[in-house]
Amino acid sequence: MSESTGLDDLFRFEEEPSARSGRARGGRVRWLFRLLLTTAGVTAVVLVGLRAVGLQLSIGIVVAGVLAVLTVRRVTAALAPPPPPRSGTRTPAGEEPGAYNWAARDALRAAINGWERPLDWSSGNQERFTERILPRLGELADERLRQRHGLTREADPPRARALLGDPLWSFLETPSRRPPSPRDLAAIVAELEKI
């Protein structure tokens, strides 16, 4: 920085004319010229084709039809989803970046959302917890019992109670007056995983 540069010079802001405005005008003119050429070419081909088979149509109708088709084509191209990644591309060797793509739709995210939203929604309301979460936990317990031991809580209550343990059994059968804390819920899930 030279000695003659002062603070006023450093903090002065002058808008520079953007080079983009010139490019935008040139792009629009180019697009319009290309549209006119395409319309004229397609119109000529359609008119020649129609005359070859003995049909005559007004040039205005043909031009309007061609412009309509080109407009629909442009709109659908703008609204089309991006193409899928090529499956034949080679993935680079080495470690993965380690970042989870939360925008992707996968079964893990769907399962997490299936529990996260109802848990959050019923966190302070016992009635909601009893209606929404407790039946899901009961279904999980029954499914674990069915897969591992071939029974459900309804089919063989004494054996199911012995396998679940008294704290988990009483939690599932007699709901408490208040929703469990996150720590209590983690202990319940840990007990479910032990089945």
N, C-alpha and C. Protein backbone atom coordinates (compact mmCIF):
# COMPACT_ATOMS: atom_id res chain seq x y z
N MET A 1 0.85 -1.16 0.00
CA MET A 1 0.00 0.00 0.00
C MET A 1 0.90 1.23 0.00
N SER A 2 0.61 2.15 -0.87
CA SER A 2 1.45 3.35 -0.97
C SER A 2 1.08 4.36 0.11
N GLU A 3 1.94 5.32 0.35
CA GLU A 3 1.73 6.31 1.39
C GLU A 3 0.61 7.27 1.05
N SER A 4 0.32 7.46 -0.22
CA SER A 4 -0.70 8.43 -0.63
C SER A 4 -2.12 7.87 -0.49
N THR A 5 -2.29 6.60 -0.22
CA THR A 5 -3.62 6.01 -0.08
C THR A 5 -4.14 6.28 1.33
N GLY A 6 -5.26 6.93 1.44
CA GLY A 6 -5.84 7.24 2.74
C GLY A 6 -7.02 6.33 3.03
N LEU A 7 -7.58 6.50 4.22
CA LEU A 7 -8.74 5.70 4.61
C LEU A 7 -9.94 5.99 3.72
N ASP A 8 -10.08 7.26 3.33
CA ASP A 8 -11.20 7.60 2.46
C ASP A 8 -11.12 6.84 1.14
N ASP A 9 -9.91 6.68 0.63
CA ASP A 9 -9.74 5.95 -0.62
C ASP A 9 -10.06 4.48 -0.44
N LEU A 10 -9.75 3.94 0.72
CA LEU A 10 -10.00 2.52 0.96
C LEU A 10 -11.48 2.21 1.12
N PHE A 11 -12.22 3.13 1.76
CA PHE A 11 -13.62 2.87 2.04
C PHE A 11 -14.58 3.46 1.03
N ARG A 12 -14.08 4.06 -0.02
CA ARG A 12 -14.94 4.63 -1.04
C ARG A 12 -15.47 3.49 -1.91
N PHE A 13 -16.74 3.60 -2.22
CA PHE A 13 -17.37 2.58 -3.02
C PHE A 13 -17.96 3.21 -4.27
N GLU A 14 -17.50 2.77 -5.40
CA GLU A 14 -18.04 3.24 -6.66
C GLU A 14 -18.54 2.02 -7.41
N GLU A 15 -19.78 2.12 -7.82
CA GLU A 15 -20.33 1.00 -8.55
C GLU A 15 -19.74 0.94 -9.93
N GLU A 16 -19.30 -0.24 -10.28
CA GLU A 16 -18.76 -0.44 -11.62
C GLU A 16 -19.86 -0.99 -12.50
N PRO A 17 -19.88 -0.60 -13.75
CA PRO A 17 -20.90 -1.16 -14.64
C PRO A 17 -20.63 -2.66 -14.79
N SER A 18 -21.68 -3.42 -14.62
CA SER A 18 -21.49 -4.87 -14.69
C SER A 18 -21.39 -5.32 -16.14
N ALA A 19 -20.50 -6.26 -16.34
CA ALA A 19 -20.33 -6.82 -17.67
C ALA A 19 -21.48 -7.76 -18.00
N ARG A 20 -22.23 -8.12 -16.97
CA ARG A 20 -23.31 -9.06 -17.15
C ARG A 20 -24.47 -8.46 -17.94
N SER A 21 -24.75 -7.17 -17.75
CA SER A 21 -25.87 -6.56 -18.45
C SER A 21 -25.66 -6.59 -19.96
N GLY A 22 -24.42 -6.36 -20.40
CA GLY A 22 -24.13 -6.44 -21.83
C GLY A 22 -24.29 -7.86 -22.35
N ARG A 23 -23.83 -8.82 -21.52
CA ARG A 23 -23.96 -10.22 -21.91
C ARG A 23 -25.42 -10.65 -21.93
N ALA A 24 -26.22 -10.14 -20.97
CA ALA A 24 -27.62 -10.53 -20.91
C ALA A 24 -28.36 -10.02 -22.15
N ARG A 25 -28.06 -8.77 -22.57
CA ARG A 25 -28.70 -8.26 -23.77
C ARG A 25 -28.27 -9.07 -24.98
N GLY A 26 -26.97 -9.37 -25.06
CA GLY A 26 -26.48 -10.15 -26.19
C GLY A 26 -27.07 -11.55 -26.19
N GLY A 27 -27.26 -12.12 -25.00
CA GLY A 27 -27.85 -13.46 -24.88
C GLY A 27 -29.30 -13.47 -25.30
N ARG A 28 -30.03 -12.42 -24.95
CA ARG A 28 -31.44 -12.34 -25.32
C ARG A 28 -31.59 -12.16 -26.83
N VAL A 29 -30.74 -11.33 -27.40
CA VAL A 29 -30.81 -11.11 -28.85
C VAL A 29 -30.46 -12.40 -29.58
N ARG A 30 -29.44 -13.08 -29.09
CA ARG A 30 -29.04 -14.34 -29.69
C ARG A 30 -30.15 -15.38 -29.57
N TRP A 31 -30.79 -15.43 -28.41
CA TRP A 31 -31.88 -16.38 -28.20
C TRP A 31 -33.06 -16.07 -29.12
N LEU A 32 -33.41 -14.79 -29.24
CA LEU A 32 -34.50 -14.39 -30.11
C LEU A 32 -34.18 -14.70 -31.57
N PHE A 33 -32.95 -14.44 -31.99
CA PHE A 33 -32.53 -14.73 -33.37
C PHE A 33 -32.61 -16.24 -33.64
N ARG A 34 -32.15 -17.04 -32.68
CA ARG A 34 -32.20 -18.50 -32.83
C ARG A 34 -33.65 -18.98 -32.89
N LEU A 35 -34.52 -18.37 -32.07
CA LEU A 35 -35.94 -18.74 -32.08
C LEU A 35 -36.57 -18.43 -33.43
N LEU A 36 -36.27 -17.25 -33.97
CA LEU A 36 -36.83 -16.87 -35.28
C LEU A 36 -36.34 -17.80 -36.38
N LEU A 37 -35.04 -18.11 -36.37
CA LEU A 37 -34.50 -19.04 -37.38
C LEU A 37 -35.13 -20.42 -37.27
N THR A 38 -35.25 -20.92 -36.04
CA THR A 38 -35.84 -22.24 -35.85
C THR A 38 -37.30 -22.24 -36.29
N THR A 39 -38.03 -21.20 -35.91
CA THR A 39 -39.44 -21.11 -36.30
C THR A 39 -39.57 -21.05 -37.82
N ALA A 40 -38.77 -20.25 -38.46
CA ALA A 40 -38.84 -20.15 -39.92
C ALA A 40 -38.49 -21.48 -40.58
N GLY A 41 -37.46 -22.14 -40.10
CA GLY A 41 -37.06 -23.41 -40.70
C GLY A 41 -38.11 -24.49 -40.52
N VAL A 42 -38.64 -24.64 -39.30
CA VAL A 42 -39.65 -25.67 -39.06
C VAL A 42 -40.93 -25.34 -39.81
N THR A 43 -41.29 -24.05 -39.86
CA THR A 43 -42.49 -23.66 -40.61
C THR A 43 -42.34 -24.01 -42.08
N ALA A 44 -41.19 -23.73 -42.66
CA ALA A 44 -40.96 -24.05 -44.07
C ALA A 44 -41.07 -25.55 -44.30
N VAL A 45 -40.49 -26.35 -43.45
CA VAL A 45 -40.54 -27.81 -43.60
C VAL A 45 -41.98 -28.31 -43.49
N VAL A 46 -42.74 -27.77 -42.52
CA VAL A 46 -44.13 -28.20 -42.35
C VAL A 46 -44.97 -27.80 -43.55
N LEU A 47 -44.79 -26.58 -44.05
CA LEU A 47 -45.56 -26.15 -45.21
C LEU A 47 -45.24 -26.98 -46.44
N VAL A 48 -43.96 -27.26 -46.66
CA VAL A 48 -43.58 -28.10 -47.81
C VAL A 48 -44.16 -29.49 -47.65
N GLY A 49 -44.12 -30.03 -46.44
CA GLY A 49 -44.68 -31.37 -46.20
C GLY A 49 -46.17 -31.40 -46.43
N LEU A 50 -46.87 -30.38 -45.96
CA LEU A 50 -48.32 -30.34 -46.15
C LEU A 50 -48.68 -30.19 -47.62
N ARG A 51 -47.94 -29.35 -48.35
CA ARG A 51 -48.23 -29.17 -49.77
C ARG A 51 -47.90 -30.44 -50.55
N ALA A 52 -46.92 -31.21 -50.08
CA ALA A 52 -46.56 -32.46 -50.77
C ALA A 52 -47.69 -33.47 -50.69
N VAL A 53 -48.46 -33.44 -49.61
CA VAL A 53 -49.57 -34.38 -49.49
C VAL A 53 -50.89 -33.75 -49.94
N GLY A 54 -50.83 -32.53 -50.44
CA GLY A 54 -52.01 -31.90 -51.01
C GLY A 54 -52.83 -31.09 -50.03
N LEU A 55 -52.28 -30.74 -48.88
CA LEU A 55 -53.01 -29.92 -47.91
C LEU A 55 -52.46 -28.51 -47.90
N GLN A 56 -53.35 -27.54 -47.64
CA GLN A 56 -52.89 -26.16 -47.52
C GLN A 56 -53.40 -25.60 -46.19
N LEU A 57 -52.52 -24.90 -45.51
CA LEU A 57 -52.84 -24.28 -44.23
C LEU A 57 -52.29 -22.87 -44.25
N SER A 58 -52.90 -22.01 -43.48
CA SER A 58 -52.44 -20.64 -43.39
C SER A 58 -51.06 -20.62 -42.73
N ILE A 59 -50.20 -19.73 -43.21
CA ILE A 59 -48.85 -19.63 -42.65
C ILE A 59 -48.92 -19.21 -41.18
N GLY A 60 -49.86 -18.34 -40.84
CA GLY A 60 -50.03 -17.88 -39.46
C GLY A 60 -50.34 -19.02 -38.50
N ILE A 61 -51.20 -19.95 -38.95
CA ILE A 61 -51.54 -21.10 -38.10
C ILE A 61 -50.33 -21.99 -37.91
N VAL A 62 -49.58 -22.22 -38.96
CA VAL A 62 -48.40 -23.07 -38.85
C VAL A 62 -47.36 -22.41 -37.93
N VAL A 63 -47.14 -21.10 -38.11
CA VAL A 63 -46.17 -20.38 -37.25
C VAL A 63 -46.62 -20.45 -35.80
N ALA A 64 -47.92 -20.22 -35.54
CA ALA A 64 -48.43 -20.28 -34.17
C ALA A 64 -48.24 -21.67 -33.59
N GLY A 65 -48.50 -22.70 -34.38
CA GLY A 65 -48.31 -24.08 -33.91
C GLY A 65 -46.85 -24.38 -33.60
N VAL A 66 -45.95 -23.93 -34.47
CA VAL A 66 -44.51 -24.16 -34.25
C VAL A 66 -44.05 -23.43 -33.00
N LEU A 67 -44.48 -22.17 -32.82
CA LEU A 67 -44.11 -21.42 -31.62
C LEU A 67 -44.65 -22.08 -30.36
N ALA A 68 -45.87 -22.61 -30.44
CA ALA A 68 -46.45 -23.30 -29.28
C ALA A 68 -45.62 -24.54 -28.93
N VAL A 69 -45.25 -25.32 -29.93
CA VAL A 69 -44.45 -26.52 -29.68
C VAL A 69 -43.08 -26.15 -29.11
N LEU A 70 -42.44 -25.11 -29.64
CA LEU A 70 -41.14 -24.69 -29.13
C LEU A 70 -41.25 -24.17 -27.69
N THR A 71 -42.34 -23.46 -27.38
CA THR A 71 -42.55 -22.96 -26.02
C THR A 71 -42.74 -24.11 -25.04
N VAL A 72 -43.57 -25.08 -25.42
CA VAL A 72 -43.78 -26.25 -24.55
C VAL A 72 -42.47 -27.00 -24.35
N ARG A 73 -41.71 -27.12 -25.40
CA ARG A 73 -40.42 -27.82 -25.30
C ARG A 73 -39.48 -27.11 -24.34
N ARG A 74 -39.45 -25.78 -24.43
CA ARG A 74 -38.56 -25.01 -23.55
C ARG A 74 -39.01 -25.09 -22.09
N VAL A 75 -40.33 -25.00 -21.87
CA VAL A 75 -40.85 -25.07 -20.50
C VAL A 75 -40.59 -26.45 -19.90
N THR A 76 -40.85 -27.50 -20.65
CA THR A 76 -40.61 -28.84 -20.11
C THR A 76 -39.13 -29.10 -19.87
N ALA A 77 -38.28 -28.53 -20.69
CA ALA A 77 -36.84 -28.68 -20.46
C ALA A 77 -36.41 -27.95 -19.20
N ALA A 78 -37.03 -26.80 -18.93
CA ALA A 78 -36.69 -26.04 -17.72
C ALA A 78 -37.21 -26.73 -16.47
N LEU A 79 -38.32 -27.44 -16.56
CA LEU A 79 -38.92 -28.09 -15.41
C LEU A 79 -38.46 -29.52 -15.20
N ALA A 80 -37.73 -30.06 -16.15
CA ALA A 80 -37.30 -31.46 -16.06
C ALA A 80 -36.29 -31.63 -14.92
N PRO A 81 -36.35 -32.76 -14.21
CA PRO A 81 -35.36 -33.00 -13.16
C PRO A 81 -33.98 -33.20 -13.77
N PRO A 82 -32.96 -32.96 -12.98
CA PRO A 82 -31.61 -33.17 -13.53
C PRO A 82 -31.39 -34.63 -13.87
N PRO A 83 -30.56 -34.89 -14.84
CA PRO A 83 -30.35 -36.28 -15.23
C PRO A 83 -29.67 -37.05 -14.09
N PRO A 84 -29.96 -38.36 -13.98
CA PRO A 84 -29.32 -39.14 -12.92
C PRO A 84 -27.83 -39.27 -13.19
N PRO A 85 -27.05 -39.46 -12.15
CA PRO A 85 -25.61 -39.62 -12.38
C PRO A 85 -25.33 -40.87 -13.19
N ARG A 86 -24.32 -40.80 -13.99
CA ARG A 86 -23.98 -41.93 -14.84
C ARG A 86 -23.48 -43.07 -13.97
N SER A 87 -24.02 -44.26 -14.20
CA SER A 87 -23.66 -45.40 -13.35
C SER A 87 -22.30 -45.97 -13.70
N GLY A 88 -21.81 -45.67 -14.87
CA GLY A 88 -20.54 -46.23 -15.29
C GLY A 88 -19.33 -45.43 -14.82
N THR A 89 -19.58 -44.31 -14.13
CA THR A 89 -18.45 -43.50 -13.70
C THR A 89 -17.71 -44.20 -12.58
N ARG A 90 -16.46 -43.96 -12.55
CA ARG A 90 -15.60 -44.61 -11.57
C ARG A 90 -15.54 -43.74 -10.32
N THR A 91 -15.76 -44.34 -9.18
CA THR A 91 -15.67 -43.59 -7.94
C THR A 91 -14.22 -43.52 -7.51
N PRO A 92 -13.80 -42.38 -6.99
CA PRO A 92 -12.41 -42.26 -6.60
C PRO A 92 -12.10 -43.17 -5.41
N ALA A 93 -10.90 -43.70 -5.41
CA ALA A 93 -10.47 -44.57 -4.32
C ALA A 93 -10.16 -43.72 -3.11
N GLY A 94 -10.23 -44.31 -1.97
CA GLY A 94 -9.91 -43.58 -0.74
C GLY A 94 -11.11 -43.51 0.16
N GLU A 95 -11.02 -42.67 1.15
CA GLU A 95 -12.07 -42.56 2.14
C GLU A 95 -13.23 -41.74 1.61
N GLU A 96 -14.39 -42.03 2.16
CA GLU A 96 -15.56 -41.23 1.84
C GLU A 96 -15.46 -39.91 2.60
N PRO A 97 -16.17 -38.88 2.15
CA PRO A 97 -16.05 -37.59 2.81
C PRO A 97 -16.57 -37.59 4.24
N GLY A 98 -17.45 -38.53 4.60
CA GLY A 98 -17.93 -38.60 5.96
C GLY A 98 -19.15 -37.75 6.24
N ALA A 99 -19.63 -37.01 5.27
CA ALA A 99 -20.81 -36.17 5.46
C ALA A 99 -22.04 -36.94 5.01
N TYR A 100 -23.10 -36.90 5.80
CA TYR A 100 -24.34 -37.57 5.44
C TYR A 100 -25.20 -36.63 4.61
N ASN A 101 -25.72 -37.12 3.52
CA ASN A 101 -26.57 -36.31 2.65
C ASN A 101 -28.00 -36.36 3.20
N TRP A 102 -28.37 -35.34 3.98
CA TRP A 102 -29.69 -35.33 4.61
C TRP A 102 -30.80 -35.08 3.62
N ALA A 103 -30.49 -34.56 2.44
CA ALA A 103 -31.52 -34.27 1.44
C ALA A 103 -31.93 -35.54 0.70
N ALA A 104 -31.09 -36.56 0.72
CA ALA A 104 -31.40 -37.79 -0.01
C ALA A 104 -32.53 -38.54 0.70
N ARG A 105 -33.32 -39.21 -0.08
CA ARG A 105 -34.40 -40.01 0.49
C ARG A 105 -33.89 -41.43 0.66
N ASP A 106 -33.83 -41.88 1.88
CA ASP A 106 -33.42 -43.24 2.13
C ASP A 106 -34.20 -43.81 3.30
N ALA A 107 -34.09 -45.09 3.49
CA ALA A 107 -34.87 -45.77 4.52
C ALA A 107 -34.45 -45.33 5.92
N LEU A 108 -33.17 -45.08 6.13
CA LEU A 108 -32.71 -44.65 7.45
C LEU A 108 -33.35 -43.33 7.84
N ARG A 109 -33.36 -42.37 6.94
CA ARG A 109 -33.94 -41.07 7.25
C ARG A 109 -35.44 -41.20 7.46
N ALA A 110 -36.11 -42.03 6.67
CA ALA A 110 -37.55 -42.23 6.84
C ALA A 110 -37.85 -42.84 8.21
N ALA A 111 -37.03 -43.79 8.64
CA ALA A 111 -37.23 -44.40 9.95
C ALA A 111 -36.99 -43.41 11.07
N ILE A 112 -35.95 -42.60 10.93
CA ILE A 112 -35.67 -41.59 11.95
C ILE A 112 -36.82 -40.59 12.03
N ASN A 113 -37.29 -40.13 10.87
CA ASN A 113 -38.41 -39.18 10.87
C ASN A 113 -39.67 -39.82 11.44
N GLY A 114 -39.84 -41.12 11.20
CA GLY A 114 -41.01 -41.81 11.73
C GLY A 114 -41.06 -41.80 13.24
N TRP A 115 -39.93 -41.68 13.88
CA TRP A 115 -39.89 -41.61 15.35
C TRP A 115 -39.67 -40.19 15.85
N GLU A 116 -38.85 -39.42 15.14
CA GLU A 116 -38.46 -38.09 15.60
C GLU A 116 -39.65 -37.15 15.71
N ARG A 117 -40.47 -37.11 14.70
CA ARG A 117 -41.60 -36.18 14.70
C ARG A 117 -42.62 -36.50 15.80
N PRO A 118 -43.08 -37.75 15.90
CA PRO A 118 -44.04 -38.03 16.98
C PRO A 118 -43.45 -37.84 18.38
N LEU A 119 -42.18 -38.17 18.55
CA LEU A 119 -41.57 -37.96 19.87
C LEU A 119 -41.51 -36.48 20.21
N ASP A 120 -41.14 -35.68 19.24
CA ASP A 120 -41.07 -34.25 19.48
C ASP A 120 -42.46 -33.67 19.73
N TRP A 121 -43.42 -34.12 18.99
CA TRP A 121 -44.79 -33.63 19.08
C TRP A 121 -45.41 -33.98 20.43
N SER A 122 -45.06 -35.14 20.98
CA SER A 122 -45.70 -35.58 22.22
C SER A 122 -44.79 -35.42 23.44
N SER A 123 -43.71 -34.67 23.32
CA SER A 123 -42.74 -34.59 24.40
C SER A 123 -43.32 -34.04 25.70
N GLY A 124 -44.26 -33.14 25.66
CA GLY A 124 -44.80 -32.58 26.88
C GLY A 124 -46.24 -32.95 27.15
N ASN A 125 -46.81 -33.85 26.36
CA ASN A 125 -48.22 -34.16 26.48
C ASN A 125 -48.40 -35.66 26.69
N GLN A 126 -48.87 -36.05 27.88
CA GLN A 126 -49.02 -37.47 28.21
C GLN A 126 -50.04 -38.15 27.31
N GLU A 127 -51.13 -37.47 27.01
CA GLU A 127 -52.17 -38.08 26.18
C GLU A 127 -51.64 -38.42 24.79
N ARG A 128 -50.92 -37.49 24.19
CA ARG A 128 -50.33 -37.74 22.88
C ARG A 128 -49.32 -38.88 22.95
N PHE A 129 -48.51 -38.88 24.01
CA PHE A 129 -47.51 -39.94 24.16
C PHE A 129 -48.20 -41.30 24.26
N THR A 130 -49.26 -41.37 25.04
CA THR A 130 -49.99 -42.63 25.23
C THR A 130 -50.66 -43.08 23.94
N GLU A 131 -51.17 -42.13 23.15
CA GLU A 131 -51.86 -42.48 21.91
C GLU A 131 -50.90 -42.84 20.78
N ARG A 132 -49.77 -42.15 20.69
CA ARG A 132 -48.89 -42.29 19.53
C ARG A 132 -47.65 -43.16 19.77
N ILE A 133 -46.95 -42.89 20.83
CA ILE A 133 -45.64 -43.52 21.02
C ILE A 133 -45.76 -44.87 21.71
N LEU A 134 -46.56 -44.96 22.76
CA LEU A 134 -46.66 -46.20 23.53
C LEU A 134 -47.10 -47.38 22.66
N PRO A 135 -48.10 -47.23 21.78
CA PRO A 135 -48.45 -48.36 20.91
C PRO A 135 -47.30 -48.78 20.00
N ARG A 136 -46.52 -47.82 19.52
CA ARG A 136 -45.37 -48.17 18.67
C ARG A 136 -44.32 -48.95 19.45
N LEU A 137 -44.08 -48.53 20.67
CA LEU A 137 -43.12 -49.26 21.50
C LEU A 137 -43.63 -50.66 21.81
N GLY A 138 -44.94 -50.79 22.05
CA GLY A 138 -45.54 -52.10 22.27
C GLY A 138 -45.40 -53.00 21.04
N GLU A 139 -45.61 -52.42 19.85
CA GLU A 139 -45.44 -53.18 18.61
C GLU A 139 -44.00 -53.64 18.45
N LEU A 140 -43.06 -52.76 18.79
CA LEU A 140 -41.65 -53.14 18.71
C LEU A 140 -41.35 -54.29 19.67
N ALA A 141 -41.86 -54.19 20.89
CA ALA A 141 -41.63 -55.26 21.86
C ALA A 141 -42.24 -56.57 21.37
N ASP A 142 -43.47 -56.51 20.85
CA ASP A 142 -44.11 -57.74 20.33
C ASP A 142 -43.33 -58.32 19.17
N GLU A 143 -42.85 -57.46 18.29
CA GLU A 143 -42.10 -57.95 17.13
C GLU A 143 -40.79 -58.61 17.57
N ARG A 144 -40.10 -57.98 18.52
CA ARG A 144 -38.85 -58.58 19.03
C ARG A 144 -39.14 -59.93 19.70
N LEU A 145 -40.22 -59.98 20.49
CA LEU A 145 -40.59 -61.24 21.14
C LEU A 145 -40.96 -62.30 20.11
N ARG A 146 -41.69 -61.89 19.08
CA ARG A 146 -42.10 -62.86 18.05
C ARG A 146 -40.90 -63.40 17.28
N GLN A 147 -39.98 -62.50 16.90
CA GLN A 147 -38.82 -62.93 16.11
C GLN A 147 -37.86 -63.79 16.94
N ARG A 148 -37.61 -63.41 18.17
CA ARG A 148 -36.60 -64.09 18.97
C ARG A 148 -37.14 -65.29 19.76
N HIS A 149 -38.43 -65.20 20.17
CA HIS A 149 -38.94 -66.23 21.08
C HIS A 149 -40.24 -66.87 20.61
N GLY A 150 -40.80 -66.39 19.50
CA GLY A 150 -42.00 -67.00 18.94
C GLY A 150 -43.27 -66.74 19.74
N LEU A 151 -43.37 -65.61 20.41
CA LEU A 151 -44.58 -65.28 21.17
C LEU A 151 -44.82 -63.78 21.15
N THR A 152 -45.99 -63.38 21.62
CA THR A 152 -46.30 -61.96 21.78
C THR A 152 -46.80 -61.74 23.20
N ARG A 153 -46.95 -60.49 23.58
CA ARG A 153 -47.44 -60.19 24.92
C ARG A 153 -48.86 -60.70 25.11
N GLU A 154 -49.65 -60.64 24.06
CA GLU A 154 -51.04 -61.08 24.15
C GLU A 154 -51.16 -62.60 24.16
N ALA A 155 -50.32 -63.28 23.39
CA ALA A 155 -50.41 -64.73 23.27
C ALA A 155 -49.95 -65.46 24.54
N ASP A 156 -48.88 -64.99 25.16
CA ASP A 156 -48.34 -65.66 26.35
C ASP A 156 -47.85 -64.61 27.34
N PRO A 157 -48.78 -63.97 28.07
CA PRO A 157 -48.39 -62.87 28.96
C PRO A 157 -47.37 -63.24 30.05
N PRO A 158 -47.50 -64.38 30.72
CA PRO A 158 -46.51 -64.66 31.77
C PRO A 158 -45.08 -64.81 31.23
N ARG A 159 -44.95 -65.51 30.14
CA ARG A 159 -43.62 -65.70 29.57
C ARG A 159 -43.08 -64.38 28.99
N ALA A 160 -43.96 -63.60 28.34
CA ALA A 160 -43.55 -62.31 27.79
C ALA A 160 -43.10 -61.38 28.92
N ARG A 161 -43.81 -61.41 30.05
CA ARG A 161 -43.42 -60.56 31.17
C ARG A 161 -42.06 -60.96 31.72
N ALA A 162 -41.82 -62.26 31.76
CA ALA A 162 -40.51 -62.74 32.24
C ALA A 162 -39.40 -62.31 31.29
N LEU A 163 -39.66 -62.36 29.97
CA LEU A 163 -38.63 -61.99 28.99
C LEU A 163 -38.41 -60.47 28.95
N LEU A 164 -39.49 -59.70 29.09
CA LEU A 164 -39.37 -58.25 29.03
C LEU A 164 -38.77 -57.67 30.32
N GLY A 165 -39.08 -58.27 31.41
CA GLY A 165 -38.66 -57.72 32.70
C GLY A 165 -39.75 -56.82 33.25
N ASP A 166 -39.81 -56.72 34.57
CA ASP A 166 -40.89 -55.97 35.20
C ASP A 166 -40.92 -54.48 34.84
N PRO A 167 -39.78 -53.79 34.80
CA PRO A 167 -39.87 -52.35 34.47
C PRO A 167 -40.44 -52.09 33.07
N LEU A 168 -39.96 -52.85 32.07
CA LEU A 168 -40.45 -52.66 30.71
C LEU A 168 -41.90 -53.12 30.59
N TRP A 169 -42.24 -54.23 31.22
CA TRP A 169 -43.62 -54.72 31.18
C TRP A 169 -44.58 -53.70 31.78
N SER A 170 -44.23 -53.16 32.93
CA SER A 170 -45.13 -52.20 33.57
C SER A 170 -45.22 -50.90 32.77
N PHE A 171 -44.11 -50.51 32.13
CA PHE A 171 -44.15 -49.31 31.29
C PHE A 171 -45.11 -49.50 30.12
N LEU A 172 -45.06 -50.67 29.48
CA LEU A 172 -45.90 -50.91 28.31
C LEU A 172 -47.36 -51.15 28.68
N GLU A 173 -47.61 -51.77 29.82
CA GLU A 173 -48.99 -52.13 30.19
C GLU A 173 -49.71 -51.04 30.98
N THR A 174 -49.01 -50.32 31.83
CA THR A 174 -49.65 -49.27 32.63
C THR A 174 -48.89 -47.96 32.39
N PRO A 175 -49.41 -47.12 31.51
CA PRO A 175 -48.71 -45.87 31.21
C PRO A 175 -48.64 -44.96 32.44
N SER A 176 -47.55 -44.23 32.53
CA SER A 176 -47.37 -43.32 33.66
C SER A 176 -48.18 -42.04 33.45
N ARG A 177 -48.19 -41.19 34.47
CA ARG A 177 -48.95 -39.94 34.38
C ARG A 177 -48.27 -38.89 33.53
N ARG A 178 -46.98 -39.02 33.32
CA ARG A 178 -46.25 -38.04 32.52
C ARG A 178 -45.37 -38.78 31.51
N PRO A 179 -45.06 -38.13 30.38
CA PRO A 179 -44.17 -38.79 29.41
C PRO A 179 -42.80 -39.03 30.03
N PRO A 180 -42.14 -40.10 29.63
CA PRO A 180 -40.82 -40.35 30.20
C PRO A 180 -39.80 -39.32 29.70
N SER A 181 -38.79 -39.10 30.52
CA SER A 181 -37.72 -38.18 30.12
C SER A 181 -36.88 -38.85 29.03
N PRO A 182 -36.08 -38.09 28.31
CA PRO A 182 -35.22 -38.71 27.30
C PRO A 182 -34.32 -39.81 27.88
N ARG A 183 -33.84 -39.62 29.11
CA ARG A 183 -33.00 -40.64 29.74
C ARG A 183 -33.80 -41.91 29.99
N ASP A 184 -35.05 -41.76 30.51
CA ASP A 184 -35.89 -42.93 30.75
C ASP A 184 -36.24 -43.63 29.45
N LEU A 185 -36.51 -42.85 28.42
CA LEU A 185 -36.84 -43.43 27.11
C LEU A 185 -35.65 -44.18 26.53
N ALA A 186 -34.44 -43.65 26.74
CA ALA A 186 -33.23 -44.35 26.28
C ALA A 186 -33.07 -45.67 27.02
N ALA A 187 -33.38 -45.70 28.32
CA ALA A 187 -33.29 -46.95 29.09
C ALA A 187 -34.32 -47.96 28.59
N ILE A 188 -35.51 -47.48 28.24
CA ILE A 188 -36.55 -48.37 27.72
C ILE A 188 -36.11 -48.97 26.39
N VAL A 189 -35.57 -48.14 25.53
CA VAL A 189 -35.10 -48.64 24.23
C VAL A 189 -33.96 -49.63 24.43
N ALA A 190 -33.08 -49.36 25.37
CA ALA A 190 -31.99 -50.31 25.65
C ALA A 190 -32.55 -51.65 26.12
N GLU A 191 -33.59 -51.62 26.94
CA GLU A 191 -34.21 -52.87 27.39
C GLU A 191 -34.87 -53.60 26.22
N LEU A 192 -35.50 -52.83 25.31
CA LEU A 192 -36.09 -53.45 24.12
C LEU A 192 -35.03 -54.13 23.25
N GLU A 193 -33.87 -53.51 23.16
CA GLU A 193 -32.80 -54.09 22.33
C GLU A 193 -32.24 -55.36 22.94
N LYS A 194 -32.35 -55.52 24.26
CA LYS A 194 -31.82 -56.72 24.92
C LYS A 194 -32.68 -57.96 24.69
N ILE A 195 -33.94 -57.75 24.32
CA ILE A 195 -34.86 -58.88 24.15
C ILE A 195 -34.30 -59.85 23.13
